Amino acid sequence: MRAPAPLLGRAAVEGLGTAALAAVVVGSGIQATELTRDVGVQLPANSLATVFGLGVLISLLGPLSGAHFNPAVTIAAWFTGRQTGEAPTLRDVAAYVPAQVAGAIAGAVLAAAMFGKPLVHFSTHDRWAGHLWLGEVVATAGLVWLIFGLARAGRAHLAPLLVASYIGAAYWFTSSTSFANPAVTIGRAFTDTFAGIAPTSVLPFLAAQLIGAAVGLGLVAVCFGRPAAVSEDEVTVPHARQQPSVGSRSPEESALA
């Protein structure tokens, strides 16, 4: 095993990965609305692109940074790590979260540039309603439950497939279409397109997502009990403590989103 990558490098990977994810979400939304006016077609196109893009990004970047791409996941990993003595540390959180937010904004701007839209056009898509906030609590709780449940069950290698599949499903079974990501929520405020969210609607979504993350950790505790410290060689909560040497471990064996 190689030594862990420097924090700056891991934060840069998180920023790039979140930028790519935001570009997939926003860009596929723009493409869908340009191809059809039927929302019943637009949503499947947007959700399928997100599923495929997220699965690829987790598999590619998981060994480098843990492939969080999501402040709710990073904060949950830190909280869980406090109990086991594992990374990420507060220093990691302080580096990851700004990188994720900046990356999400950059990804939304990039998507706008690719489709010839104004680079920054704040969304007018109001998403202010209690049932939408409940949808975000449910979507984020399920995501955190899945991610940390997989790690605790020793099935982290399934994360690229299952996390992407869950997000695709949550597009459809939650009223909010499953933002479930504070960074990407902020980024989506910068685009007045299908995937956008009005800036005035952002704060309640962020609050709902953080509540959902706490609920998700509670569900993990109910299902799996208190976490126990593990050895360096075990697959743990989503954080890239070590980079695999060539041929020693596949990306899927090291990644969670």
C-alpha atoms as a PDB file:
ATOM      1  CA  MET A   1       0.000   0.000   0.000  1.00  0.00           C
ATOM      2  CA  ARG A   2       1.106   3.528  -0.725  1.00  0.00           C
ATOM      3  CA  ALA A   3       0.971   6.351   1.781  1.00  0.00           C
ATOM      4  CA  PRO A   4      -2.264   8.372   1.875  1.00  0.00           C
ATOM      5  CA  ALA A   5      -2.501  11.101  -0.740  1.00  0.00           C
ATOM      6  CA  PRO A   6      -1.884  14.667   0.502  1.00  0.00           C
ATOM      7  CA  LEU A   7      -4.994  16.426   1.764  1.00  0.00           C
ATOM      8  CA  LEU A   8      -4.768  19.130  -0.900  1.00  0.00           C
ATOM      9  CA  GLY A   9      -4.745  16.500  -3.619  1.00  0.00           C
ATOM     10  CA  ARG A  10      -7.699  14.637  -2.128  1.00  0.00           C
ATOM     11  CA  ALA A  11      -9.658  17.884  -1.786  1.00  0.00           C
ATOM     12  CA  ALA A  12      -8.903  18.715  -5.414  1.00  0.00           C
ATOM     13  CA  VAL A  13     -10.228  15.307  -6.452  1.00  0.00           C
ATOM     14  CA  GLU A  14     -13.398  15.952  -4.440  1.00  0.00           C
ATOM     15  CA  GLY A  15     -13.818  19.311  -6.165  1.00  0.00           C
ATOM     16  CA  LEU A  16     -13.306  17.832  -9.614  1.00  0.00           C
ATOM     17  CA  GLY A  17     -15.608  14.904  -8.927  1.00  0.00           C
ATOM     18  CA  THR A  18     -18.371  17.146  -7.604  1.00  0.00           C
ATOM     19  CA  ALA A  19     -17.934  19.452 -10.594  1.00  0.00           C
ATOM     20  CA  ALA A  20     -18.344  16.499 -12.937  1.00  0.00           C
ATOM     21  CA  LEU A  21     -21.419  15.302 -11.048  1.00  0.00           C
ATOM     22  CA  ALA A  22     -23.034  18.748 -11.168  1.00  0.00           C
ATOM     23  CA  ALA A  23     -22.244  19.032 -14.870  1.00  0.00           C
ATOM     24  CA  VAL A  24     -23.938  15.680 -15.474  1.00  0.00           C
ATOM     25  CA  VAL A  25     -27.051  16.666 -13.500  1.00  0.00           C
ATOM     26  CA  VAL A  26     -27.402  20.145 -14.992  1.00  0.00           C
ATOM     27  CA  GLY A  27     -26.218  19.289 -18.494  1.00  0.00           C
ATOM     28  CA  SER A  28     -28.535  16.316 -18.875  1.00  0.00           C
ATOM     29  CA  GLY A  29     -31.397  18.480 -17.634  1.00  0.00           C
ATOM     30  CA  ILE A  30     -30.652  21.110 -20.272  1.00  0.00           C
ATOM     31  CA  GLN A  31     -30.320  18.498 -22.996  1.00  0.00           C
ATOM     32  CA  ALA A  32     -33.599  16.859 -21.978  1.00  0.00           C
ATOM     33  CA  THR A  33     -35.553  20.111 -22.109  1.00  0.00           C
ATOM     34  CA  GLU A  34     -34.082  20.963 -25.512  1.00  0.00           C
ATOM     35  CA  LEU A  35     -35.127  17.594 -26.918  1.00  0.00           C
ATOM     36  CA  THR A  36     -38.672  17.468 -25.549  1.00  0.00           C
ATOM     37  CA  ARG A  37     -41.218  19.482 -23.622  1.00  0.00           C
ATOM     38  CA  ASP A  38     -42.638  16.347 -22.007  1.00  0.00           C
ATOM     39  CA  VAL A  39     -41.644  16.324 -18.328  1.00  0.00           C
ATOM     40  CA  GLY A  40     -42.394  12.598 -18.301  1.00  0.00           C
ATOM     41  CA  VAL A  41     -39.458  12.186 -20.688  1.00  0.00           C
ATOM     42  CA  GLN A  42     -37.231  14.900 -19.239  1.00  0.00           C
ATOM     43  CA  LEU A  43     -37.070  13.335 -15.775  1.00  0.00           C
ATOM     44  CA  PRO A  44     -36.062   9.833 -16.961  1.00  0.00           C
ATOM     45  CA  ALA A  45     -33.361  11.341 -19.163  1.00  0.00           C
ATOM     46  CA  ASN A  46     -32.015  13.430 -16.281  1.00  0.00           C
ATOM     47  CA  SER A  47     -32.142  10.575 -13.771  1.00  0.00           C
ATOM     48  CA  LEU A  48     -30.529   7.997 -16.081  1.00  0.00           C
ATOM     49  CA  ALA A  49     -27.641  10.306 -16.935  1.00  0.00           C
ATOM     50  CA  THR A  50     -27.113  10.947 -13.221  1.00  0.00           C
ATOM     51  CA  VAL A  51     -27.115   7.218 -12.422  1.00  0.00           C
ATOM     52  CA  PHE A  52     -24.520   6.425 -15.072  1.00  0.00           C
ATOM     53  CA  GLY A  53     -22.365   9.456 -14.328  1.00  0.00           C
ATOM     54  CA  LEU A  54     -22.344   8.909 -10.571  1.00  0.00           C
ATOM     55  CA  GLY A  55     -21.451   5.236 -10.878  1.00  0.00           C
ATOM     56  CA  VAL A  56     -18.510   6.046 -13.138  1.00  0.00           C
ATOM     57  CA  LEU A  57     -17.247   8.833 -10.867  1.00  0.00           C
ATOM     58  CA  ILE A  58     -17.390   6.687  -7.724  1.00  0.00           C
ATOM     59  CA  SER A  59     -15.486   3.865  -9.437  1.00  0.00           C
ATOM     60  CA  LEU A  60     -12.864   6.221 -10.895  1.00  0.00           C
ATOM     61  CA  LEU A  61     -12.199   8.545  -7.966  1.00  0.00           C
ATOM     62  CA  GLY A  62     -13.122   6.453  -4.937  1.00  0.00           C
ATOM     63  CA  PRO A  63      -9.560   5.173  -4.347  1.00  0.00           C
ATOM     64  CA  LEU A  64      -8.205   8.732  -4.445  1.00  0.00           C
ATOM     65  CA  SER A  65     -10.471  10.679  -2.105  1.00  0.00           C
ATOM     66  CA  GLY A  66     -13.290   8.368  -1.046  1.00  0.00           C
ATOM     67  CA  ALA A  67     -15.573   9.902  -3.703  1.00  0.00           C
ATOM     68  CA  HIS A  68     -17.870  11.661  -1.265  1.00  0.00           C
ATOM     69  CA  PHE A  69     -18.856  14.530  -3.635  1.00  0.00           C
ATOM     70  CA  ASN A  70     -21.298  15.487  -0.899  1.00  0.00           C
ATOM     71  CA  PRO A  71     -20.810  17.500   2.325  1.00  0.00           C
ATOM     72  CA  ALA A  72     -23.513  15.461   4.075  1.00  0.00           C
ATOM     73  CA  VAL A  73     -21.500  12.286   3.448  1.00  0.00           C
ATOM     74  CA  THR A  74     -18.223  13.927   4.465  1.00  0.00           C
ATOM     75  CA  ILE A  75     -19.691  15.236   7.732  1.00  0.00           C
ATOM     76  CA  ALA A  76     -21.332  11.878   8.455  1.00  0.00           C
ATOM     77  CA  ALA A  77     -18.010  10.114   7.821  1.00  0.00           C
ATOM     78  CA  TRP A  78     -16.263  12.491  10.216  1.00  0.00           C
ATOM     79  CA  PHE A  79     -18.914  11.955  12.884  1.00  0.00           C
ATOM     80  CA  THR A  80     -18.661   8.184  12.538  1.00  0.00           C
ATOM     81  CA  GLY A  81     -14.869   8.342  12.498  1.00  0.00           C
ATOM     82  CA  ARG A  82     -14.838  10.120  15.870  1.00  0.00           C
ATOM     83  CA  GLN A  83     -16.171   6.921  17.413  1.00  0.00           C
ATOM     84  CA  THR A  84     -13.679   4.605  15.704  1.00  0.00           C
ATOM     85  CA  GLY A  85     -10.600   6.815  15.554  1.00  0.00           C
ATOM     86  CA  GLU A  86     -10.645   6.792  11.758  1.00  0.00           C
ATOM     87  CA  ALA A  87     -10.369   9.522   9.156  1.00  0.00           C
ATOM     88  CA  PRO A  88     -11.706  11.897   7.977  1.00  0.00           C
ATOM     89  CA  THR A  89     -10.626  14.456  10.521  1.00  0.00           C
ATOM     90  CA  LEU A  90     -11.997  17.957  11.007  1.00  0.00           C
ATOM     91  CA  ARG A  91      -9.110  19.156   8.858  1.00  0.00           C
ATOM     92  CA  ASP A  92     -10.297  16.867   6.066  1.00  0.00           C
ATOM     93  CA  VAL A  93     -13.853  18.178   6.420  1.00  0.00           C
ATOM     94  CA  ALA A  94     -12.616  21.780   6.295  1.00  0.00           C
ATOM     95  CA  ALA A  95     -10.839  21.010   3.012  1.00  0.00           C
ATOM     96  CA  TYR A  96     -13.419  18.726   1.404  1.00  0.00           C
ATOM     97  CA  VAL A  97     -16.593  20.753   1.924  1.00  0.00           C
ATOM     98  CA  PRO A  98     -15.440  24.045   0.316  1.00  0.00           C
ATOM     99  CA  ALA A  99     -13.932  22.047  -2.554  1.00  0.00           C
ATOM    100  CA  GLN A 100     -17.231  20.226  -3.077  1.00  0.00           C
ATOM    101  CA  VAL A 101     -19.256  23.451  -3.054  1.00  0.00           C
ATOM    102  CA  ALA A 102     -16.857  25.230  -5.409  1.00  0.00           C
ATOM    103  CA  GLY A 103     -16.818  22.195  -7.672  1.00  0.00           C
ATOM    104  CA  ALA A 104     -20.610  22.037  -7.835  1.00  0.00           C
ATOM    105  CA  ILE A 105     -20.838  25.701  -8.829  1.00  0.00           C
ATOM    106  CA  ALA A 106     -18.115  25.219 -11.432  1.00  0.00           C
ATOM    107  CA  GLY A 107     -19.904  22.154 -12.820  1.00  0.00           C
ATOM    108  CA  ALA A 108     -23.168  24.065 -13.209  1.00  0.00           C
ATOM    109  CA  VAL A 109     -21.338  26.897 -14.985  1.00  0.00           C
ATOM    110  CA  LEU A 110     -19.566  24.392 -17.248  1.00  0.00           C
ATOM    111  CA  ALA A 111     -22.874  22.781 -18.214  1.00  0.00           C
ATOM    112  CA  ALA A 112     -24.284  26.203 -19.091  1.00  0.00           C
ATOM    113  CA  ALA A 113     -21.232  26.974 -21.224  1.00  0.00           C
ATOM    114  CA  MET A 114     -21.521  23.674 -23.118  1.00  0.00           C
ATOM    115  CA  PHE A 115     -25.104  24.468 -24.128  1.00  0.00           C
ATOM    116  CA  GLY A 116     -24.579  28.152 -24.865  1.00  0.00           C
ATOM    117  CA  LYS A 117     -26.557  29.332 -21.844  1.00  0.00           C
ATOM    118  CA  PRO A 118     -25.672  32.316 -19.629  1.00  0.00           C
ATOM    119  CA  LEU A 119     -22.821  31.162 -17.434  1.00  0.00           C
ATOM    120  CA  VAL A 120     -24.511  32.363 -14.258  1.00  0.00           C
ATOM    121  CA  HIS A 121     -28.281  32.736 -14.281  1.00  0.00           C
ATOM    122  CA  PHE A 122     -29.792  32.205 -10.858  1.00  0.00           C
ATOM    123  CA  SER A 123     -32.684  29.800 -10.911  1.00  0.00           C
ATOM    124  CA  THR A 124     -36.282  30.960 -10.646  1.00  0.00           C
ATOM    125  CA  HIS A 125     -37.504  27.410  -9.937  1.00  0.00           C
ATOM    126  CA  ASP A 126     -39.118  27.794  -6.530  1.00  0.00           C
ATOM    127  CA  ARG A 127     -38.973  24.619  -4.428  1.00  0.00           C
ATOM    128  CA  TRP A 128     -40.427  25.955  -1.186  1.00  0.00           C
ATOM    129  CA  ALA A 129     -42.841  23.467   0.371  1.00  0.00           C
ATOM    130  CA  GLY A 130     -42.927  21.230   3.409  1.00  0.00           C
ATOM    131  CA  HIS A 131     -43.456  18.043   1.426  1.00  0.00           C
ATOM    132  CA  LEU A 132     -40.323  18.802  -0.622  1.00  0.00           C
ATOM    133  CA  TRP A 133     -38.275  19.256   2.541  1.00  0.00           C
ATOM    134  CA  LEU A 134     -39.599  15.951   3.838  1.00  0.00           C
ATOM    135  CA  GLY A 135     -38.562  14.397   0.525  1.00  0.00           C
ATOM    136  CA  GLU A 136     -35.026  15.692   1.065  1.00  0.00           C
ATOM    137  CA  VAL A 137     -34.898  14.294   4.594  1.00  0.00           C
ATOM    138  CA  VAL A 138     -35.964  10.885   3.284  1.00  0.00           C
ATOM    139  CA  ALA A 139     -33.613  10.973   0.266  1.00  0.00           C
ATOM    140  CA  THR A 140     -30.547  11.957   2.284  1.00  0.00           C
ATOM    141  CA  ALA A 141     -31.343   9.579   5.142  1.00  0.00           C
ATOM    142  CA  GLY A 142     -31.576   6.710   2.685  1.00  0.00           C
ATOM    143  CA  LEU A 143     -28.321   7.669   1.001  1.00  0.00           C
ATOM    144  CA  VAL A 144     -26.369   7.833   4.267  1.00  0.00           C
ATOM    145  CA  TRP A 145     -28.018   4.633   5.524  1.00  0.00           C
ATOM    146  CA  LEU A 146     -26.947   2.857   2.344  1.00  0.00           C
ATOM    147  CA  ILE A 147     -23.380   4.175   2.218  1.00  0.00           C
ATOM    148  CA  PHE A 148     -22.486   3.488   5.825  1.00  0.00           C
ATOM    149  CA  GLY A 149     -24.554   0.333   5.961  1.00  0.00           C
ATOM    150  CA  LEU A 150     -22.578  -1.080   3.050  1.00  0.00           C
ATOM    151  CA  ALA A 151     -19.340  -0.230   4.799  1.00  0.00           C
ATOM    152  CA  ARG A 152     -20.464  -1.815   8.071  1.00  0.00           C
ATOM    153  CA  ALA A 153     -21.718  -4.917   6.257  1.00  0.00           C
ATOM    154  CA  GLY A 154     -18.405  -5.380   4.446  1.00  0.00           C
ATOM    155  CA  ARG A 155     -19.982  -4.696   1.044  1.00  0.00           C
ATOM    156  CA  ALA A 156     -18.344  -1.403   0.170  1.00  0.00           C
ATOM    157  CA  HIS A 157     -17.261  -2.857  -3.177  1.00  0.00           C
ATOM    158  CA  LEU A 158     -20.913  -2.623  -4.278  1.00  0.00           C
ATOM    159  CA  ALA A 159     -21.071   1.135  -3.681  1.00  0.00           C
ATOM    160  CA  PRO A 160     -20.611   2.347  -7.286  1.00  0.00           C
ATOM    161  CA  LEU A 161     -23.568   0.261  -8.436  1.00  0.00           C
ATOM    162  CA  LEU A 162     -25.839   0.565  -5.416  1.00  0.00           C
ATOM    163  CA  VAL A 163     -25.326   4.238  -4.563  1.00  0.00           C
ATOM    164  CA  ALA A 164     -25.938   5.250  -8.172  1.00  0.00           C
ATOM    165  CA  SER A 165     -28.982   2.967  -8.317  1.00  0.00           C
ATOM    166  CA  TYR A 166     -30.391   4.431  -5.120  1.00  0.00           C
ATOM    167  CA  ILE A 167     -30.068   7.998  -6.411  1.00  0.00           C
ATOM    168  CA  GLY A 168     -31.812   6.968  -9.627  1.00  0.00           C
ATOM    169  CA  ALA A 169     -34.659   5.421  -7.661  1.00  0.00           C
ATOM    170  CA  ALA A 170     -34.905   8.389  -5.298  1.00  0.00           C
ATOM    171  CA  TYR A 171     -35.402  10.724  -8.270  1.00  0.00           C
ATOM    172  CA  TRP A 172     -38.744   8.971  -8.593  1.00  0.00           C
ATOM    173  CA  PHE A 173     -39.937   8.041  -5.124  1.00  0.00           C
ATOM    174  CA  THR A 174     -39.205  11.371  -3.405  1.00  0.00           C
ATOM    175  CA  SER A 175     -41.198  14.547  -3.986  1.00  0.00           C
ATOM    176  CA  SER A 176     -38.016  16.644  -4.221  1.00  0.00           C
ATOM    177  CA  THR A 177     -36.407  14.431  -6.923  1.00  0.00           C
ATOM    178  CA  SER A 178     -33.627  13.656  -4.448  1.00  0.00           C
ATOM    179  CA  PHE A 179     -31.078  16.448  -4.417  1.00  0.00           C
ATOM    180  CA  ALA A 180     -29.643  14.769  -1.264  1.00  0.00           C
ATOM    181  CA  ASN A 181     -26.421  16.792  -1.581  1.00  0.00           C
ATOM    182  CA  PRO A 182     -25.788  20.260  -0.086  1.00  0.00           C
ATOM    183  CA  ALA A 183     -22.972  21.110  -2.523  1.00  0.00           C
ATOM    184  CA  VAL A 184     -24.902  20.188  -5.649  1.00  0.00           C
ATOM    185  CA  THR A 185     -27.972  21.953  -4.267  1.00  0.00           C
ATOM    186  CA  ILE A 186     -25.956  25.177  -4.051  1.00  0.00           C
ATOM    187  CA  GLY A 187     -24.524  24.614  -7.525  1.00  0.00           C
ATOM    188  CA  ARG A 188     -27.981  24.080  -8.992  1.00  0.00           C
ATOM    189  CA  ALA A 189     -29.021  27.536  -7.757  1.00  0.00           C
ATOM    190  CA  PHE A 190     -26.679  28.994 -10.393  1.00  0.00           C
ATOM    191  CA  THR A 191     -28.643  27.634 -13.356  1.00  0.00           C
ATOM    192  CA  ASP A 192     -32.140  28.678 -14.401  1.00  0.00           C
ATOM    193  CA  THR A 193     -32.805  25.364 -16.140  1.00  0.00           C
ATOM    194  CA  PHE A 194     -34.700  22.133 -15.539  1.00  0.00           C
ATOM    195  CA  ALA A 195     -32.380  21.102 -12.693  1.00  0.00           C
ATOM    196  CA  GLY A 196     -32.271  24.507 -10.998  1.00  0.00           C
ATOM    197  CA  ILE A 197     -33.447  25.584  -7.570  1.00  0.00           C
ATOM    198  CA  ALA A 198     -34.200  29.172  -6.613  1.00  0.00           C
ATOM    199  CA  PRO A 199     -31.608  30.627  -4.207  1.00  0.00           C
ATOM    200  CA  THR A 200     -34.402  31.405  -1.738  1.00  0.00           C
ATOM    201  CA  SER A 201     -35.233  27.687  -1.618  1.00  0.00           C
ATOM    202  CA  VAL A 202     -31.693  26.517  -0.921  1.00  0.00           C
ATOM    203  CA  LEU A 203     -31.418  26.956   2.862  1.00  0.00           C
ATOM    204  CA  PRO A 204     -34.429  24.783   3.776  1.00  0.00           C
ATOM    205  CA  PHE A 205     -33.097  22.079   1.446  1.00  0.00           C
ATOM    206  CA  LEU A 206     -29.695  22.215   3.144  1.00  0.00           C
ATOM    207  CA  ALA A 207     -31.298  21.963   6.574  1.00  0.00           C
ATOM    208  CA  ALA A 208     -33.423  19.017   5.458  1.00  0.00           C
ATOM    209  CA  GLN A 209     -30.368  17.261   4.026  1.00  0.00           C
ATOM    210  CA  LEU A 210     -28.389  17.634   7.263  1.00  0.00           C
ATOM    211  CA  ILE A 211     -31.360  16.341   9.253  1.00  0.00           C
ATOM    212  CA  GLY A 212     -31.599  13.446   6.818  1.00  0.00           C
ATOM    213  CA  ALA A 213     -27.906  12.646   7.283  1.00  0.00           C
ATOM    214  CA  ALA A 214     -28.438  12.464  11.056  1.00  0.00           C
ATOM    215  CA  VAL A 215     -31.470  10.220  10.561  1.00  0.00           C
ATOM    216  CA  GLY A 216     -29.453   8.007   8.228  1.00  0.00           C
ATOM    217  CA  LEU A 217     -26.711   7.550  10.823  1.00  0.00           C
ATOM    218  CA  GLY A 218     -29.402   6.695  13.339  1.00  0.00           C
ATOM    219  CA  LEU A 219     -30.712   4.003  11.008  1.00  0.00           C
ATOM    220  CA  VAL A 220     -27.200   2.587  10.641  1.00  0.00           C
ATOM    221  CA  ALA A 221     -26.882   2.439  14.431  1.00  0.00           C
ATOM    222  CA  VAL A 222     -30.254   0.698  14.762  1.00  0.00           C
ATOM    223  CA  CYS A 223     -29.385  -1.870  12.107  1.00  0.00           C
ATOM    224  CA  PHE A 224     -25.703  -2.477  12.835  1.00  0.00           C
ATOM    225  CA  GLY A 225     -25.118  -1.264  16.387  1.00  0.00           C
ATOM    226  CA  ARG A 226     -22.236   0.930  17.506  1.00  0.00           C
ATOM    227  CA  PRO A 227     -19.242   1.017  15.142  1.00  0.00           C
ATOM    228  CA  ALA A 228     -16.077  -0.724  16.252  1.00  0.00           C
ATOM    229  CA  ALA A 229     -12.531   0.289  15.434  1.00  0.00           C
ATOM    230  CA  VAL A 230     -11.060  -1.643  12.513  1.00  0.00           C
ATOM    231  CA  SER A 231      -7.589  -2.403  11.237  1.00  0.00           C
ATOM    232  CA  GLU A 232      -5.900  -0.481   8.478  1.00  0.00           C
ATOM    233  CA  ASP A 233      -6.495  -3.299   6.003  1.00  0.00           C
ATOM    234  CA  GLU A 234     -10.282  -3.363   6.370  1.00  0.00           C
ATOM    235  CA  VAL A 235     -12.705  -1.496   4.170  1.00  0.00           C
ATOM    236  CA  THR A 236     -14.251   1.188   6.366  1.00  0.00           C
ATOM    237  CA  VAL A 237     -16.369   4.294   6.163  1.00  0.00           C
ATOM    238  CA  PRO A 238     -16.051   6.238   2.905  1.00  0.00           C
ATOM    239  CA  HIS A 239     -12.620   7.794   3.052  1.00  0.00           C
ATOM    240  CA  ALA A 240      -9.493   7.093   1.046  1.00  0.00           C
ATOM    241  CA  ARG A 241      -6.857   6.595   3.713  1.00  0.00           C
ATOM    242  CA  GLN A 242      -4.524   4.773   1.348  1.00  0.00           C
ATOM    243  CA  GLN A 243      -4.080   4.605  -2.387  1.00  0.00           C
ATOM    244  CA  PRO A 244      -3.840   1.078  -3.757  1.00  0.00           C
ATOM    245  CA  SER A 245      -0.753   0.074  -5.608  1.00  0.00           C
ATOM    246  CA  VAL A 246      -1.216  -1.006  -9.191  1.00  0.00           C
ATOM    247  CA  GLY A 247      -2.973  -4.349  -9.339  1.00  0.00           C
ATOM    248  CA  SER A 248      -3.450  -4.625  -5.575  1.00  0.00           C
ATOM    249  CA  ARG A 249      -7.082  -3.548  -5.294  1.00  0.00           C
ATOM    250  CA  SER A 250      -9.776  -2.542  -7.723  1.00  0.00           C
ATOM    251  CA  PRO A 251     -11.481   0.877  -7.430  1.00  0.00           C
ATOM    252  CA  GLU A 252     -14.725  -0.769  -6.425  1.00  0.00           C
ATOM    253  CA  GLU A 253     -13.039  -2.358  -3.394  1.00  0.00           C
ATOM    254  CA  SER A 254     -11.962   1.022  -2.065  1.00  0.00           C
ATOM    255  CA  ALA A 255     -14.801   3.378  -2.930  1.00  0.00           C
ATOM    256  CA  LEU A 256     -17.922   4.780  -1.421  1.00  0.00           C
ATOM    257  CA  ALA A 257     -19.743   7.948  -2.462  1.00  0.00           C
END
